[in-house]
Amino acid sequence: MKVVDYRETLVAYLRSESTAQAAQTLQVSVPTLSQRLKTMRKAGVKVPKKTGRTKSLSMIEVAQLNNMIIKHEKEMAKA
């Protein structure tokens, strides 16, 4: 089983216009990406929603992913 890189997943998702585009960037199916996003949200990561068996996220990973989102939101606010 391949280990999921949640950081890579989050970056691709935040930079994409849609879930389908992010899935294509990550070379996974849309259901696979949707499950990854669901796993992160369930663990407490504040993944924003757009208009896809994974390991559990540790508390440190959740904090790091949430910090990535905060940083991204600040960068977007400056633009």
C-alpha atoms as a PDB file:
ATOM      1  CA  MET A   1       0.000   0.000   0.000  1.00  0.00           C
ATOM      2  CA  LYS A   2       1.345   3.412  -0.973  1.00  0.00           C
ATOM      3  CA  VAL A   3       1.807   5.948   1.821  1.00  0.00           C
ATOM      4  CA  VAL A   4      -0.231   9.074   1.209  1.00  0.00           C
ATOM      5  CA  ASP A   5       1.622  12.396   1.249  1.00  0.00           C
ATOM      6  CA  TYR A   6      -1.014  14.650   2.757  1.00  0.00           C
ATOM      7  CA  ARG A   7       1.133  17.756   2.287  1.00  0.00           C
ATOM      8  CA  GLU A   8       1.405  17.136  -1.456  1.00  0.00           C
ATOM      9  CA  THR A   9      -2.318  16.399  -1.596  1.00  0.00           C
ATOM     10  CA  LEU A  10      -3.210  19.627   0.207  1.00  0.00           C
ATOM     11  CA  VAL A  11      -0.901  21.777  -1.912  1.00  0.00           C
ATOM     12  CA  ALA A  12      -2.300  20.350  -5.169  1.00  0.00           C
ATOM     13  CA  TYR A  13      -5.865  20.778  -3.900  1.00  0.00           C
ATOM     14  CA  LEU A  14      -5.345  24.390  -2.775  1.00  0.00           C
ATOM     15  CA  ARG A  15      -3.671  25.329  -6.066  1.00  0.00           C
ATOM     16  CA  SER A  16      -6.352  23.721  -8.231  1.00  0.00           C
ATOM     17  CA  GLU A  17      -9.574  25.203  -9.485  1.00  0.00           C
ATOM     18  CA  SER A  18     -11.463  21.976  -8.855  1.00  0.00           C
ATOM     19  CA  THR A  19     -11.219  18.589  -7.202  1.00  0.00           C
ATOM     20  CA  ALA A  20     -10.988  17.006 -10.650  1.00  0.00           C
ATOM     21  CA  GLN A  21      -8.018  19.199 -11.569  1.00  0.00           C
ATOM     22  CA  ALA A  22      -6.280  18.383  -8.280  1.00  0.00           C
ATOM     23  CA  ALA A  23      -6.884  14.658  -8.820  1.00  0.00           C
ATOM     24  CA  GLN A  24      -5.388  14.916 -12.291  1.00  0.00           C
ATOM     25  CA  THR A  25      -2.344  16.772 -10.922  1.00  0.00           C
ATOM     26  CA  LEU A  26      -1.862  14.066  -8.285  1.00  0.00           C
ATOM     27  CA  GLN A  27      -2.521  11.311 -10.852  1.00  0.00           C
ATOM     28  CA  VAL A  28      -5.294   9.769  -8.745  1.00  0.00           C
ATOM     29  CA  SER A  29      -9.020   9.335  -9.294  1.00  0.00           C
ATOM     30  CA  VAL A  30     -11.505  11.910  -8.012  1.00  0.00           C
ATOM     31  CA  PRO A  31     -12.947   9.376  -5.502  1.00  0.00           C
ATOM     32  CA  THR A  32      -9.418   8.711  -4.179  1.00  0.00           C
ATOM     33  CA  LEU A  33      -8.771  12.419  -3.706  1.00  0.00           C
ATOM     34  CA  SER A  34     -12.178  12.887  -2.107  1.00  0.00           C
ATOM     35  CA  GLN A  35     -11.353  10.149   0.395  1.00  0.00           C
ATOM     36  CA  ARG A  36      -8.027  11.792   1.225  1.00  0.00           C
ATOM     37  CA  LEU A  37      -9.764  15.114   1.821  1.00  0.00           C
ATOM     38  CA  LYS A  38     -12.396  13.399   3.975  1.00  0.00           C
ATOM     39  CA  THR A  39      -9.645  11.744   6.037  1.00  0.00           C
ATOM     40  CA  MET A  40      -7.923  15.075   6.610  1.00  0.00           C
ATOM     41  CA  ARG A  41     -11.173  16.807   7.574  1.00  0.00           C
ATOM     42  CA  LYS A  42     -12.095  13.974   9.951  1.00  0.00           C
ATOM     43  CA  ALA A  43      -8.673  14.345  11.605  1.00  0.00           C
ATOM     44  CA  GLY A  44      -9.282  18.061  12.125  1.00  0.00           C
ATOM     45  CA  VAL A  45      -7.593  19.650   9.113  1.00  0.00           C
ATOM     46  CA  LYS A  46      -9.620  22.669   7.971  1.00  0.00           C
ATOM     47  CA  VAL A  47      -9.596  21.805   4.272  1.00  0.00           C
ATOM     48  CA  PRO A  48     -11.767  24.320   2.412  1.00  0.00           C
ATOM     49  CA  LYS A  49     -14.439  22.905   0.137  1.00  0.00           C
ATOM     50  CA  LYS A  50     -14.325  23.627  -3.604  1.00  0.00           C
ATOM     51  CA  THR A  51     -17.619  25.650  -5.571  1.00  0.00           C
ATOM     52  CA  GLY A  52     -10.893  10.014  -2.598  1.00  0.00           C
ATOM     53  CA  ARG A  53      -7.619   3.044   2.973  1.00  0.00           C
ATOM     54  CA  THR A  54      -5.263   5.709   4.351  1.00  0.00           C
ATOM     55  CA  LYS A  55      -3.252   5.934   7.545  1.00  0.00           C
ATOM     56  CA  SER A  56      -4.416   8.118  10.386  1.00  0.00           C
ATOM     57  CA  LEU A  57      -3.004  11.593  10.617  1.00  0.00           C
ATOM     58  CA  SER A  58      -0.929  12.413  13.678  1.00  0.00           C
ATOM     59  CA  MET A  59      -1.578  15.544  15.734  1.00  0.00           C
ATOM     60  CA  ILE A  60       1.651  17.023  14.340  1.00  0.00           C
ATOM     61  CA  GLU A  61       0.576  16.367  10.751  1.00  0.00           C
ATOM     62  CA  VAL A  62      -2.816  17.970  11.412  1.00  0.00           C
ATOM     63  CA  ALA A  63      -1.150  21.058  12.894  1.00  0.00           C
ATOM     64  CA  GLN A  64       1.274  21.302   9.962  1.00  0.00           C
ATOM     65  CA  LEU A  65      -1.518  20.961   7.411  1.00  0.00           C
ATOM     66  CA  ASN A  66      -3.643  23.587   9.185  1.00  0.00           C
ATOM     67  CA  ASN A  67      -0.629  25.928   9.223  1.00  0.00           C
ATOM     68  CA  MET A  68      -0.274  25.406   5.466  1.00  0.00           C
ATOM     69  CA  ILE A  69      -3.904  26.465   5.024  1.00  0.00           C
ATOM     70  CA  ILE A  70      -3.420  29.576   7.169  1.00  0.00           C
ATOM     71  CA  LYS A  71      -0.314  30.518   5.176  1.00  0.00           C
ATOM     72  CA  HIS A  72      -2.162  29.950   1.887  1.00  0.00           C
ATOM     73  CA  GLU A  73      -5.106  32.094   3.028  1.00  0.00           C
ATOM     74  CA  LYS A  74      -2.736  34.929   4.036  1.00  0.00           C
ATOM     75  CA  GLU A  75      -0.984  34.761   0.648  1.00  0.00           C
ATOM     76  CA  MET A  76      -4.335  34.841  -1.144  1.00  0.00           C
ATOM     77  CA  ALA A  77      -5.442  37.851   0.939  1.00  0.00           C
ATOM     78  CA  LYS A  78      -2.346  39.777  -0.174  1.00  0.00           C
ATOM     79  CA  ALA A  79      -3.043  39.072  -3.860  1.00  0.00           C
END
